[in-house]
Amino acid sequence: MKQLAGLDASFLYLETPQMPMHVGALHLLELPVGYDGDYVEDLREHMRTRMPLLPALRRRLIAMPLGLSNPGWIDADPDLEEHIVEIALPEGSGMAELEDQVGALHPVLLDRSRPLWKFHVFTGIESGPEGQPRVALYTQLHHAAVDGQAAVALAQVILDLSPEPRNIEAIAARGKKRGQLGTVGMLRAAVSQQWKQTVKLARSLPNAASILGGMAVKSFGSAAAEASVDKLRALLSGVASQTTAVVRGKKSVSSLGPAPRTRFNVSLSATRSFAGVTLPLAELNRTRKRHHASVNDAVLFIMGGALRRYFAKHGPLPRKSLVAAVPVSTRAAGDTTSNNQATMTFMSLGTHLSDPSERLANVIASSKAMKAQMNELKSLMPTDFPSLGIPWLMQAGAMLYGRAKVAEKLPVVANVVISNVPGPQLPLYLAGAQMLTNYPTSIAVHGLALNVTVQTYNQSLDIGLMACGEALPETAELAAYVEAAFMEFQALPVVEPAPEPAPVVKKAATKKAPAKKTAAKKAVAKATPKPRASTPRKKATAG
């Protein structure tokens, strides 16, 4: 048994029927011309051969006695008949029908008595342009088991580079399954885990203090100790008090305090609306490079433009900029562990600015400010912490939060979640079928009814829009606005920065040679009487 880390377990405690905590993707798959097999059976057999290399799909939860501490993972072989299921759609179904299916299936919680994943295979999909048979796949994996980068690592094991699956050597030494611990054994394991987590947290405090102290001196100066404390509190909350953007030679201050309240900042219903949209990655890269922007800057600008159009129609468009909650990975390079290693920061989308060039400048400035903070702070974000009693508290709090509609009463911190997950840049295959799309399906939470997750795949940028079905039923319309905002991005003129004035180079002072006195000057100097030195006069005394 291996106990879940605090961050992983929190996704279990926060899950309710209104707030499912699984992630996944919608894939359109194209089979070879003339294929007449049973793809569902082919996929089950494919997964059976890969299962030895997928420990995250071969474990299930076991609860601690009385729910006192985080649950643990134990080995469990999945029943592929239950985990990979077929859904027959009407013949000729397309993306609209698939998006409706994702919206209907996403609120269904995964069975916690089984490994926390499920694959839905859709048949009846419209054929390709040359008659190629097609199917679709909607995957679900619980966020307690994987984050975005961990899911990408799983995909690298499951998927292939060609229609012919590569040979996978089964891992013979999977290890013997251990017997289930008794109540006393689990309690002992829970207490031991609490002690280890407490010691680890205590040991990290000196390093955290050193980092924060260095940031204080670097950012605010040693003389501003008292003011630094207040600013550090703002940094630790992940919110910069202000972001200054240079816009066409003028300074524009975009506050990242409380975000404006919108129709997205509500408690969720148990319904979901989903849409996917694909943008050409090569053109996006050409455009962003002209403006010295990153891929993330481009995504935030495009989504800001789409949301500005949406609110301009459905209203009201806030006078203050919308704020995006942006997940940031804390995972070390090469780490493929199936768990969660991420934190959250906040960025301005510049939706209060009507000029698209000014909005882009605002986004780039906000991004630079965020990166400067997170490079030092993300190492301080704990992913594991003592959890004794936390399961009761978090589960009760999550239920109360939704029922009492707390999201409508608290100040708004952000309006939307926007996540960008790097993915493979070449075509991939699953059980002989080419994967055409990779639309992420992620989590909407109370107070943030829209989640936008972006993943690059095979020279495309695939975007998944997951929203509460009551707060935002028009996800297909928003997807159209994303395409319009992308075209706006392509049409942006390049604003060259004003050239800086050349530095004034001061010439070194040169000593002048003493001027030679002329005969006339000598005569004048000789004729001029020299002043006499004055002497103090004696005071008269009475005689």
Protein backbone atom coordinates (compact mmCIF):
# COMPACT_ATOMS: atom_id res chain seq x y z
CA MET A 1 0.00 0.00 0.00
CA LYS A 2 1.16 3.55 -0.79
CA GLN A 3 -0.66 6.47 0.78
CA LEU A 4 -1.69 9.36 -1.46
CA ALA A 5 0.13 12.66 -1.11
CA GLY A 6 -1.89 15.57 0.23
CA LEU A 7 -2.39 17.27 -3.15
CA ASP A 8 -3.44 14.00 -4.85
CA ALA A 9 -5.90 13.14 -2.09
CA SER A 10 -7.47 16.60 -2.16
CA PHE A 11 -9.01 15.78 -5.56
CA LEU A 12 -10.87 12.91 -3.88
CA TYR A 13 -12.09 15.01 -0.96
CA LEU A 14 -13.32 17.85 -3.16
CA GLU A 15 -15.27 15.60 -5.55
CA THR A 16 -19.08 15.85 -5.46
CA PRO A 17 -21.79 14.99 -8.02
CA GLN A 18 -21.67 18.66 -9.09
CA MET A 19 -17.87 18.72 -9.25
CA PRO A 20 -16.37 15.53 -10.74
CA MET A 21 -12.59 15.41 -10.50
CA HIS A 22 -11.52 13.39 -13.51
CA VAL A 23 -9.63 14.58 -16.59
CA GLY A 24 -9.23 13.09 -20.03
CA ALA A 25 -9.65 13.85 -23.72
CA LEU A 26 -11.86 13.36 -26.77
CA HIS A 27 -10.05 11.68 -29.68
CA LEU A 28 -11.24 11.18 -33.24
CA LEU A 29 -9.59 8.00 -34.59
CA GLU A 30 -9.23 6.93 -38.22
CA LEU A 31 -8.85 3.24 -39.12
CA PRO A 32 -7.15 1.88 -42.25
CA VAL A 33 -9.24 1.66 -45.43
CA GLY A 34 -10.99 -1.70 -45.58
CA TYR A 35 -10.85 -2.33 -41.82
CA ASP A 36 -13.66 -4.71 -40.86
CA GLY A 37 -12.67 -5.80 -37.36
CA ASP A 38 -14.12 -5.03 -33.93
CA TYR A 39 -12.20 -2.00 -32.72
CA VAL A 40 -13.45 -2.25 -29.13
CA GLU A 41 -12.00 -5.77 -28.84
CA ASP A 42 -8.80 -4.65 -30.58
CA LEU A 43 -8.41 -1.83 -28.08
CA ARG A 44 -8.99 -4.14 -25.11
CA GLU A 45 -6.31 -6.51 -26.38
CA HIS A 46 -3.95 -3.59 -27.01
CA MET A 47 -4.42 -2.30 -23.46
CA ARG A 48 -3.96 -5.79 -22.05
CA THR A 49 -0.46 -5.97 -23.60
CA ARG A 50 0.47 -2.47 -22.31
CA MET A 51 -0.98 -2.90 -18.82
CA PRO A 52 2.30 -4.17 -17.23
CA LEU A 53 3.83 -0.76 -18.06
CA LEU A 54 0.87 1.23 -16.67
CA PRO A 55 0.91 0.97 -12.87
CA ALA A 56 -1.39 3.99 -12.56
CA LEU A 57 -4.14 1.96 -14.29
CA ARG A 58 -3.52 -1.13 -12.12
CA ARG A 59 -4.33 0.23 -8.68
CA ARG A 60 -7.39 1.13 -6.69
CA LEU A 61 -8.10 3.03 -3.51
CA ILE A 62 -8.23 1.64 -0.01
CA ALA A 63 -9.60 3.83 2.77
CA MET A 64 -7.86 4.36 6.10
CA PRO A 65 -9.78 3.27 9.24
CA LEU A 66 -12.42 5.86 10.18
CA GLY A 67 -11.19 8.04 7.32
CA LEU A 68 -8.60 9.61 9.63
CA SER A 69 -5.92 10.04 6.97
CA ASN A 70 -5.36 9.95 3.24
CA PRO A 71 -6.37 6.69 1.50
CA GLY A 72 -3.78 4.47 -0.15
CA TRP A 73 -3.23 2.74 -3.48
CA ILE A 74 -3.17 -1.06 -3.68
CA ASP A 75 -2.62 -3.32 -6.70
CA ALA A 76 -5.77 -4.29 -8.63
CA ASP A 77 -6.05 -5.81 -12.12
CA PRO A 78 -8.71 -3.90 -14.09
CA ASP A 79 -11.60 -5.75 -15.76
CA LEU A 80 -11.18 -4.44 -19.31
CA GLU A 81 -14.78 -5.38 -20.16
CA GLU A 82 -15.84 -2.77 -17.58
CA HIS A 83 -13.15 -0.19 -18.22
CA ILE A 84 -13.39 -0.11 -22.03
CA VAL A 85 -17.02 0.16 -23.18
CA GLU A 86 -18.76 0.78 -26.51
CA ILE A 87 -21.39 3.44 -27.18
CA ALA A 88 -23.16 3.08 -30.53
CA LEU A 89 -24.19 6.44 -32.04
CA PRO A 90 -26.50 6.93 -35.05
CA GLU A 91 -24.66 6.33 -38.32
CA GLY A 92 -23.00 9.45 -39.70
CA SER A 93 -22.53 11.13 -36.33
CA GLY A 94 -19.97 13.95 -36.18
CA MET A 95 -18.30 16.34 -33.76
CA ALA A 96 -21.56 17.91 -32.54
CA GLU A 97 -22.87 14.52 -31.42
CA LEU A 98 -19.53 13.62 -29.83
CA GLU A 99 -19.42 16.90 -27.89
CA ASP A 100 -22.94 16.23 -26.61
CA GLN A 101 -21.84 12.77 -25.45
CA VAL A 102 -18.87 14.19 -23.56
CA GLY A 103 -21.15 16.74 -21.90
CA ALA A 104 -23.49 13.93 -20.78
CA LEU A 105 -20.76 11.49 -19.61
CA HIS A 106 -18.41 13.91 -17.86
CA PRO A 107 -20.61 14.40 -14.74
CA VAL A 108 -20.75 10.60 -14.14
CA LEU A 109 -18.34 9.81 -11.31
CA LEU A 110 -15.82 6.99 -11.62
CA ASP A 111 -16.40 3.88 -9.50
CA ARG A 112 -13.97 4.09 -6.55
CA SER A 113 -14.10 0.34 -5.95
CA ARG A 114 -12.22 -0.09 -9.27
CA PRO A 115 -9.09 1.48 -10.77
CA LEU A 116 -9.99 5.11 -11.44
CA TRP A 117 -10.14 5.22 -15.25
CA LYS A 118 -12.57 4.44 -18.07
CA PHE A 119 -12.50 4.50 -21.91
CA HIS A 120 -15.68 5.12 -23.96
CA VAL A 121 -15.48 4.03 -27.62
CA PHE A 122 -18.04 5.64 -29.96
CA THR A 123 -19.05 3.85 -33.14
CA GLY A 124 -21.30 5.12 -35.94
CA ILE A 125 -18.96 8.04 -36.72
CA GLU A 126 -19.02 9.60 -40.18
CA SER A 127 -16.32 8.16 -42.49
CA GLY A 128 -13.26 10.11 -43.63
CA PRO A 129 -13.03 11.96 -46.98
CA GLU A 130 -11.77 8.84 -48.75
CA GLY A 131 -14.09 6.43 -47.01
CA GLN A 132 -11.75 5.64 -44.09
CA PRO A 133 -13.74 4.16 -41.19
CA ARG A 134 -13.64 6.26 -38.03
CA VAL A 135 -14.38 5.80 -34.34
CA ALA A 136 -14.01 8.17 -31.39
CA LEU A 137 -12.68 7.73 -27.88
CA TYR A 138 -13.48 9.66 -24.70
CA THR A 139 -11.05 8.89 -21.85
CA GLN A 140 -11.49 9.50 -18.13
CA LEU A 141 -8.70 9.38 -15.53
CA HIS A 142 -9.12 10.65 -11.99
CA HIS A 143 -7.07 13.73 -11.14
CA ALA A 144 -6.01 12.04 -7.88
CA ALA A 145 -3.87 9.72 -10.02
CA VAL A 146 -2.47 12.05 -12.71
CA ASP A 147 -1.94 15.68 -13.65
CA GLY A 148 -1.49 16.94 -17.22
CA GLN A 149 2.17 15.97 -17.55
CA ALA A 150 1.61 12.55 -15.96
CA ALA A 151 -1.22 11.91 -18.43
CA VAL A 152 1.14 12.73 -21.30
CA ALA A 153 3.61 10.18 -19.90
CA LEU A 154 0.85 7.54 -19.81
CA ALA A 155 -0.05 8.34 -23.42
CA GLN A 156 3.54 7.73 -24.48
CA VAL A 157 3.21 4.14 -23.26
CA ILE A 158 -0.26 3.53 -24.71
CA LEU A 159 0.25 5.14 -28.14
CA ASP A 160 2.50 4.15 -31.05
CA LEU A 161 4.37 5.96 -33.84
CA SER A 162 2.90 3.76 -36.60
CA PRO A 163 -0.27 1.75 -37.33
CA GLU A 164 1.67 -1.39 -36.44
CA PRO A 165 1.90 -1.49 -32.61
CA ARG A 166 5.46 -1.81 -31.31
CA ASN A 167 6.47 -4.89 -29.39
CA ILE A 168 6.30 -4.35 -25.66
CA GLU A 169 8.27 -6.69 -23.48
CA ALA A 170 6.10 -7.56 -20.53
CA ILE A 171 7.58 -6.80 -17.18
CA ALA A 172 7.94 -10.22 -15.59
CA ALA A 173 8.89 -8.94 -12.17
CA ARG A 174 5.78 -6.96 -11.34
CA GLY A 175 6.25 -8.01 -7.77
CA LYS A 176 4.09 -10.19 -5.65
CA LYS A 177 0.80 -8.73 -4.56
CA ARG A 178 0.91 -7.97 -0.92
CA GLY A 179 -1.92 -9.01 1.31
CA GLN A 180 -4.23 -6.29 2.52
CA LEU A 181 -3.13 -4.69 5.78
CA GLY A 182 -5.33 -5.17 8.81
CA THR A 183 -6.84 -2.27 10.74
CA VAL A 184 -3.89 -2.04 13.14
CA GLY A 185 -1.41 -2.18 10.27
CA MET A 186 -3.18 0.60 8.37
CA LEU A 187 -3.34 2.79 11.48
CA ARG A 188 0.36 2.23 12.04
CA ALA A 189 1.06 3.13 8.40
CA ALA A 190 -1.09 6.27 8.70
CA VAL A 191 0.72 7.48 11.83
CA SER A 192 4.11 6.77 10.23
CA GLN A 193 3.09 8.75 7.13
CA GLN A 194 1.95 11.71 9.26
CA TRP A 195 5.30 11.79 11.02
CA LYS A 196 7.26 11.67 7.76
CA GLN A 197 5.13 14.46 6.26
CA THR A 198 5.55 16.65 9.35
CA VAL A 199 9.35 16.18 9.41
CA LYS A 200 9.59 16.88 5.68
CA LEU A 201 7.54 20.07 6.04
CA ALA A 202 9.62 21.24 9.02
CA ARG A 203 12.88 20.64 7.16
CA SER A 204 11.67 22.74 4.22
CA LEU A 205 10.96 25.82 6.36
CA PRO A 206 14.57 27.14 6.62
CA ASN A 207 14.98 26.91 2.84
CA ALA A 208 11.63 28.65 2.35
CA ALA A 209 12.64 31.45 4.71
CA SER A 210 15.94 31.88 2.84
CA ILE A 211 14.20 32.10 -0.54
CA LEU A 212 11.58 34.55 0.70
CA GLY A 213 14.21 36.69 2.39
CA GLY A 214 16.26 36.81 -0.79
CA MET A 215 13.17 37.79 -2.78
CA ALA A 216 12.42 40.56 -0.29
CA VAL A 217 15.88 42.09 -0.58
CA LYS A 218 15.97 41.70 -4.36
CA SER A 219 12.49 43.09 -4.99
CA PHE A 220 12.00 45.73 -2.35
CA GLY A 221 15.39 46.63 -0.86
CA SER A 222 16.67 45.94 2.60
CA ALA A 223 15.37 49.28 3.94
CA ALA A 224 11.76 48.42 3.17
CA ALA A 225 11.40 45.46 5.52
CA GLU A 226 7.93 46.28 6.78
CA ALA A 227 6.53 46.98 3.31
CA SER A 228 8.20 43.80 2.04
CA VAL A 229 6.17 41.65 4.41
CA ASP A 230 2.90 42.90 2.94
CA LYS A 231 4.13 42.43 -0.61
CA LEU A 232 5.40 38.93 0.13
CA ARG A 233 1.96 38.02 1.41
CA ALA A 234 0.56 39.11 -1.94
CA LEU A 235 3.21 37.03 -3.74
CA LEU A 236 2.46 33.96 -1.65
CA SER A 237 -1.21 34.25 -2.55
CA GLY A 238 -0.13 34.06 -6.19
CA VAL A 239 -1.58 37.46 -7.01
CA ALA A 240 0.58 40.39 -7.98
CA SER A 241 -0.91 43.62 -6.67
CA GLN A 242 -0.31 45.33 -9.97
CA THR A 243 1.07 44.57 -13.39
CA THR A 244 2.47 47.46 -15.36
CA ALA A 245 2.30 47.13 -19.13
CA VAL A 246 3.87 49.48 -21.62
CA VAL A 247 1.22 50.11 -24.25
CA ARG A 248 2.17 52.28 -27.17
CA GLY A 249 4.56 54.32 -25.13
CA LYS A 250 2.16 54.81 -22.18
CA LYS A 251 1.98 52.94 -18.89
CA SER A 252 -1.22 50.99 -18.29
CA VAL A 253 -1.76 49.49 -14.85
CA SER A 254 -3.85 46.33 -14.73
CA SER A 255 -4.89 45.40 -11.22
CA LEU A 256 -4.88 41.73 -10.33
CA GLY A 257 -6.79 42.16 -7.12
CA PRO A 258 -10.36 40.84 -6.94
CA ALA A 259 -11.57 39.89 -10.42
CA PRO A 260 -14.90 41.20 -11.76
CA ARG A 261 -17.93 39.02 -11.02
CA THR A 262 -19.36 37.27 -14.10
CA ARG A 263 -21.87 34.55 -14.89
CA PHE A 264 -18.99 32.05 -14.61
CA ASN A 265 -18.42 32.80 -10.91
CA VAL A 266 -21.25 30.65 -9.59
CA SER A 267 -21.85 27.30 -7.91
CA LEU A 268 -21.99 24.44 -10.40
CA SER A 269 -24.90 22.30 -11.46
CA ALA A 270 -24.52 18.58 -12.22
CA THR A 271 -24.56 19.26 -16.00
CA ARG A 272 -21.72 19.95 -18.42
CA SER A 273 -21.35 21.56 -21.83
CA PHE A 274 -18.30 20.76 -23.97
CA ALA A 275 -16.79 21.89 -27.28
CA GLY A 276 -13.46 21.39 -29.02
CA VAL A 277 -11.63 23.64 -31.46
CA THR A 278 -8.39 23.15 -33.44
CA LEU A 279 -5.95 25.90 -34.44
CA PRO A 280 -2.95 25.47 -36.82
CA LEU A 281 0.19 25.46 -34.69
CA ALA A 282 2.60 26.52 -37.46
CA GLU A 283 0.64 29.69 -38.20
CA LEU A 284 0.23 30.44 -34.51
CA ASN A 285 3.99 30.13 -34.03
CA ARG A 286 4.75 32.39 -37.00
CA THR A 287 2.40 35.04 -35.65
CA ARG A 288 3.54 34.91 -32.02
CA LYS A 289 7.22 35.15 -33.00
CA ARG A 290 6.51 38.37 -34.91
CA HIS A 291 5.24 39.82 -31.64
CA HIS A 292 7.93 38.25 -29.41
CA ALA A 293 5.25 36.30 -27.54
CA SER A 294 5.30 32.76 -26.13
CA VAL A 295 2.76 30.04 -26.97
CA ASN A 296 1.17 30.66 -23.58
CA ASP A 297 0.93 34.40 -24.32
CA ALA A 298 -0.79 33.61 -27.62
CA VAL A 299 -3.26 31.23 -25.96
CA LEU A 300 -4.16 33.80 -23.27
CA PHE A 301 -4.57 36.55 -25.87
CA ILE A 302 -6.81 34.38 -28.07
CA MET A 303 -8.96 33.25 -25.16
CA GLY A 304 -9.22 36.84 -23.92
CA GLY A 305 -10.45 37.92 -27.34
CA ALA A 306 -12.96 35.06 -27.47
CA LEU A 307 -14.33 35.86 -23.99
CA ARG A 308 -14.53 39.56 -24.83
CA ARG A 309 -16.71 38.68 -27.85
CA TYR A 310 -18.82 36.32 -25.75
CA PHE A 311 -19.55 38.89 -23.05
CA ALA A 312 -20.11 41.63 -25.61
CA LYS A 313 -23.03 39.53 -26.90
CA HIS A 314 -24.37 37.91 -23.73
CA GLY A 315 -23.28 40.71 -21.39
CA PRO A 316 -22.29 42.43 -19.42
CA LEU A 317 -18.68 42.95 -20.51
CA PRO A 318 -16.84 43.88 -17.29
CA ARG A 319 -15.04 47.22 -17.27
CA LYS A 320 -12.24 45.54 -15.38
CA SER A 321 -10.08 42.84 -17.00
CA LEU A 322 -11.03 39.19 -16.62
CA VAL A 323 -8.45 37.17 -14.69
CA ALA A 324 -7.33 33.64 -15.62
CA ALA A 325 -6.23 31.04 -13.09
CA VAL A 326 -3.27 29.34 -14.77
CA PRO A 327 -1.87 26.00 -13.49
CA VAL A 328 1.94 25.91 -13.37
CA SER A 329 3.84 22.62 -13.34
CA THR A 330 6.43 22.14 -10.56
CA ARG A 331 7.55 18.81 -12.04
CA ALA A 332 11.28 18.33 -12.57
CA ALA A 333 12.47 17.61 -16.11
CA GLY A 334 12.15 13.91 -16.90
CA ASP A 335 9.86 13.15 -13.94
CA THR A 336 7.02 10.90 -15.21
CA THR A 337 5.61 9.89 -11.81
CA SER A 338 1.84 9.34 -11.90
CA ASN A 339 0.81 12.00 -9.41
CA ASN A 340 0.16 15.75 -9.21
CA GLN A 341 2.98 18.30 -9.17
CA ALA A 342 1.48 21.68 -9.96
CA THR A 343 0.43 24.95 -8.42
CA MET A 344 -1.73 27.89 -9.56
CA THR A 345 -1.07 31.51 -10.47
CA PHE A 346 -3.21 34.32 -11.90
CA MET A 347 -2.90 36.45 -15.03
CA SER A 348 -4.74 39.38 -16.59
CA LEU A 349 -6.43 38.74 -19.96
CA GLY A 350 -6.73 42.43 -20.84
CA THR A 351 -10.42 42.09 -21.80
CA HIS A 352 -11.07 45.67 -20.66
CA LEU A 353 -8.96 46.93 -23.59
CA SER A 354 -10.73 47.32 -26.94
CA ASP A 355 -7.50 47.66 -28.94
CA PRO A 356 -6.11 44.15 -29.65
CA SER A 357 -2.51 45.42 -29.75
CA GLU A 358 -2.93 46.86 -26.27
CA ARG A 359 -4.48 43.59 -25.07
CA LEU A 360 -1.50 41.61 -26.35
CA ALA A 361 0.94 43.99 -24.64
CA ASN A 362 -1.07 43.62 -21.43
CA VAL A 363 -0.94 39.81 -21.61
CA ILE A 364 2.82 39.74 -22.31
CA ALA A 365 3.51 42.10 -19.39
CA SER A 366 1.29 40.05 -17.07
CA SER A 367 3.06 36.86 -18.18
CA LYS A 368 6.51 38.30 -17.49
CA ALA A 369 5.45 39.43 -14.02
CA MET A 370 4.03 35.96 -13.27
CA LYS A 371 7.16 34.13 -14.44
CA ALA A 372 9.41 36.35 -12.34
CA GLN A 373 7.42 35.41 -9.24
CA MET A 374 6.82 31.72 -9.96
CA ASN A 375 10.41 30.82 -10.85
CA GLU A 376 11.32 31.34 -7.19
CA LEU A 377 8.02 30.59 -5.47
CA LYS A 378 6.99 27.34 -7.15
CA SER A 379 9.66 25.39 -5.26
CA LEU A 380 7.91 26.40 -2.03
CA MET A 381 4.52 24.98 -2.97
CA PRO A 382 3.99 21.74 -1.00
CA THR A 383 2.39 18.75 -2.73
CA ASP A 384 2.38 16.67 0.44
CA PHE A 385 1.49 17.67 3.98
CA PRO A 386 0.14 16.16 7.22
CA SER A 387 -3.46 15.05 6.68
CA LEU A 388 -4.72 13.73 10.00
CA GLY A 389 -8.43 14.63 10.14
CA ILE A 390 -8.33 16.47 6.80
CA PRO A 391 -10.53 13.94 4.91
CA TRP A 392 -13.52 14.73 7.15
CA LEU A 393 -12.95 18.47 6.97
CA MET A 394 -12.42 18.72 3.21
CA GLN A 395 -15.29 16.43 2.26
CA ALA A 396 -17.72 18.27 4.54
CA GLY A 397 -16.42 21.63 3.31
CA ALA A 398 -16.81 20.67 -0.36
CA MET A 399 -20.41 19.56 0.15
CA LEU A 400 -21.28 22.68 2.15
CA TYR A 401 -19.54 24.96 -0.35
CA GLY A 402 -21.82 23.82 -3.16
CA ARG A 403 -25.06 23.58 -1.19
CA ALA A 404 -24.68 26.97 0.49
CA LYS A 405 -23.64 28.58 -2.82
CA VAL A 406 -20.58 30.07 -1.18
CA ALA A 407 -19.09 30.94 -4.60
CA GLU A 408 -21.74 33.65 -5.02
CA LYS A 409 -20.81 35.24 -1.67
CA LEU A 410 -17.01 35.28 -1.65
CA PRO A 411 -14.84 37.83 -3.50
CA VAL A 412 -13.94 36.68 -7.02
CA VAL A 413 -10.26 35.76 -7.45
CA ALA A 414 -10.41 34.55 -11.07
CA ASN A 415 -13.00 34.10 -13.83
CA VAL A 416 -11.73 31.15 -15.84
CA VAL A 417 -9.10 28.38 -15.67
CA ILE A 418 -6.74 28.28 -18.67
CA SER A 419 -4.20 25.45 -18.82
CA ASN A 420 -1.59 24.81 -21.51
CA VAL A 421 -0.10 21.29 -21.65
CA PRO A 422 2.73 20.60 -24.16
CA GLY A 423 2.12 17.49 -26.23
CA PRO A 424 3.70 15.41 -29.05
CA GLN A 425 4.34 17.07 -32.43
CA LEU A 426 3.90 14.01 -34.65
CA PRO A 427 0.98 11.71 -35.55
CA LEU A 428 0.26 8.90 -33.09
CA TYR A 429 -1.69 5.64 -33.34
CA LEU A 430 -3.84 3.65 -30.92
CA ALA A 431 -4.41 -0.04 -31.63
CA GLY A 432 -3.80 0.58 -35.34
CA ALA A 433 -6.00 3.71 -35.63
CA GLN A 434 -4.50 7.14 -36.30
CA MET A 435 -5.38 9.78 -33.70
CA LEU A 436 -6.70 12.85 -35.53
CA THR A 437 -7.66 15.06 -32.57
CA ASN A 438 -6.75 15.41 -28.92
CA TYR A 439 -9.29 17.70 -27.22
CA PRO A 440 -8.59 17.83 -23.45
CA THR A 441 -11.54 17.45 -21.07
CA SER A 442 -10.79 18.95 -17.68
CA ILE A 443 -12.42 20.15 -14.46
CA ALA A 444 -14.80 23.02 -13.76
CA VAL A 445 -15.06 23.95 -10.08
CA HIS A 446 -17.43 26.00 -7.94
CA GLY A 447 -16.81 29.66 -8.68
CA LEU A 448 -15.00 28.87 -11.96
CA ALA A 449 -17.62 27.43 -14.28
CA LEU A 450 -15.35 27.39 -17.38
CA ASN A 451 -12.16 25.39 -17.83
CA VAL A 452 -10.07 25.86 -20.99
CA THR A 453 -7.33 23.28 -21.50
CA VAL A 454 -4.99 23.43 -24.49
CA GLN A 455 -2.67 20.73 -25.78
CA THR A 456 -0.36 20.73 -28.78
CA TYR A 457 -0.60 17.66 -31.01
CA ASN A 458 0.77 16.91 -34.51
CA GLN A 459 1.18 20.55 -35.61
CA SER A 460 -2.18 21.54 -34.16
CA LEU A 461 -3.34 23.32 -31.04
CA ASP A 462 -6.35 21.36 -29.72
CA ILE A 463 -8.52 23.25 -27.24
CA GLY A 464 -11.15 21.72 -24.97
CA LEU A 465 -13.85 23.98 -23.47
CA MET A 466 -15.52 22.36 -20.44
CA ALA A 467 -18.24 24.37 -18.68
CA CYS A 468 -21.19 24.08 -16.34
CA GLY A 469 -24.21 23.39 -18.53
CA GLU A 470 -26.31 26.03 -16.77
CA ALA A 471 -23.70 28.79 -16.45
CA LEU A 472 -22.38 28.40 -20.01
CA PRO A 473 -24.45 26.22 -22.34
CA GLU A 474 -23.04 28.01 -25.43
CA THR A 475 -19.61 26.33 -25.58
CA ALA A 476 -19.99 25.75 -29.35
CA GLU A 477 -20.51 29.49 -29.80
CA LEU A 478 -17.46 30.23 -27.66
CA ALA A 479 -15.43 27.82 -29.83
CA ALA A 480 -16.40 29.91 -32.89
CA TYR A 481 -15.23 33.03 -31.05
CA VAL A 482 -11.88 31.32 -30.40
CA GLU A 483 -11.42 30.91 -34.16
CA ALA A 484 -12.37 34.58 -34.72
CA ALA A 485 -9.89 35.70 -32.04
CA PHE A 486 -7.17 33.61 -33.70
CA MET A 487 -7.80 35.40 -37.01
CA GLU A 488 -7.59 38.71 -35.13
CA PHE A 489 -4.24 37.57 -33.74
CA GLN A 490 -2.97 36.80 -37.24
CA ALA A 491 -4.02 40.24 -38.49
CA LEU A 492 -2.30 42.19 -35.70
CA PRO A 493 0.22 44.72 -37.01
CA VAL A 494 3.68 44.46 -35.54
CA VAL A 495 4.26 47.48 -33.32
CA GLU A 496 7.96 48.13 -33.21
CA PRO A 497 9.13 49.58 -29.91
CA ALA A 498 10.20 53.22 -30.06
CA PRO A 499 13.96 53.43 -30.48
CA GLU A 500 15.73 54.40 -27.29
CA PRO A 501 17.59 57.72 -27.47
CA ALA A 502 21.29 57.29 -28.06
CA PRO A 503 23.27 57.74 -24.87
CA VAL A 504 25.01 61.09 -24.59
CA VAL A 505 28.76 60.52 -24.59
CA LYS A 506 30.52 63.17 -22.53
CA LYS A 507 33.90 64.21 -23.85
CA ALA A 508 36.71 64.03 -21.39
CA ALA A 509 37.74 67.45 -20.18
CA THR A 510 41.08 68.60 -21.63
CA LYS A 511 43.42 71.04 -19.97
CA LYS A 512 43.92 74.21 -21.97
CA ALA A 513 47.43 75.43 -22.43
CA PRO A 514 48.02 78.69 -20.59
CA ALA A 515 47.63 81.64 -22.91
CA LYS A 516 50.74 83.69 -23.61
CA LYS A 517 50.49 87.27 -22.39
CA THR A 518 50.83 89.87 -25.08
CA ALA A 519 52.90 93.02 -24.62
CA ALA A 520 49.72 95.12 -24.26
CA LYS A 521 48.37 92.86 -21.54
CA LYS A 522 51.67 93.01 -19.70
CA ALA A 523 51.57 96.82 -19.78
CA VAL A 524 48.02 96.94 -18.40
CA ALA A 525 48.88 94.51 -15.64
CA LYS A 526 51.95 96.61 -14.69
CA ALA A 527 49.97 99.85 -14.57
CA THR A 528 47.22 98.43 -12.37
CA PRO A 529 47.93 99.14 -8.66
CA LYS A 530 47.96 96.11 -6.45
CA PRO A 531 45.59 96.18 -3.44
CA ARG A 532 47.27 96.59 -0.06
CA ALA A 533 46.67 94.10 2.68
CA SER A 534 44.39 95.67 5.27
CA THR A 535 45.46 95.66 8.91
CA PRO A 536 43.11 95.85 11.86
CA ARG A 537 42.78 99.32 13.32
CA LYS A 538 43.61 99.75 16.97
CA LYS A 539 40.76 100.86 19.20
CA ALA A 540 41.13 104.27 20.80
CA THR A 541 41.74 104.12 24.51
CA ALA A 542 41.03 106.84 27.07
CA GLY A 543 44.22 108.54 28.17
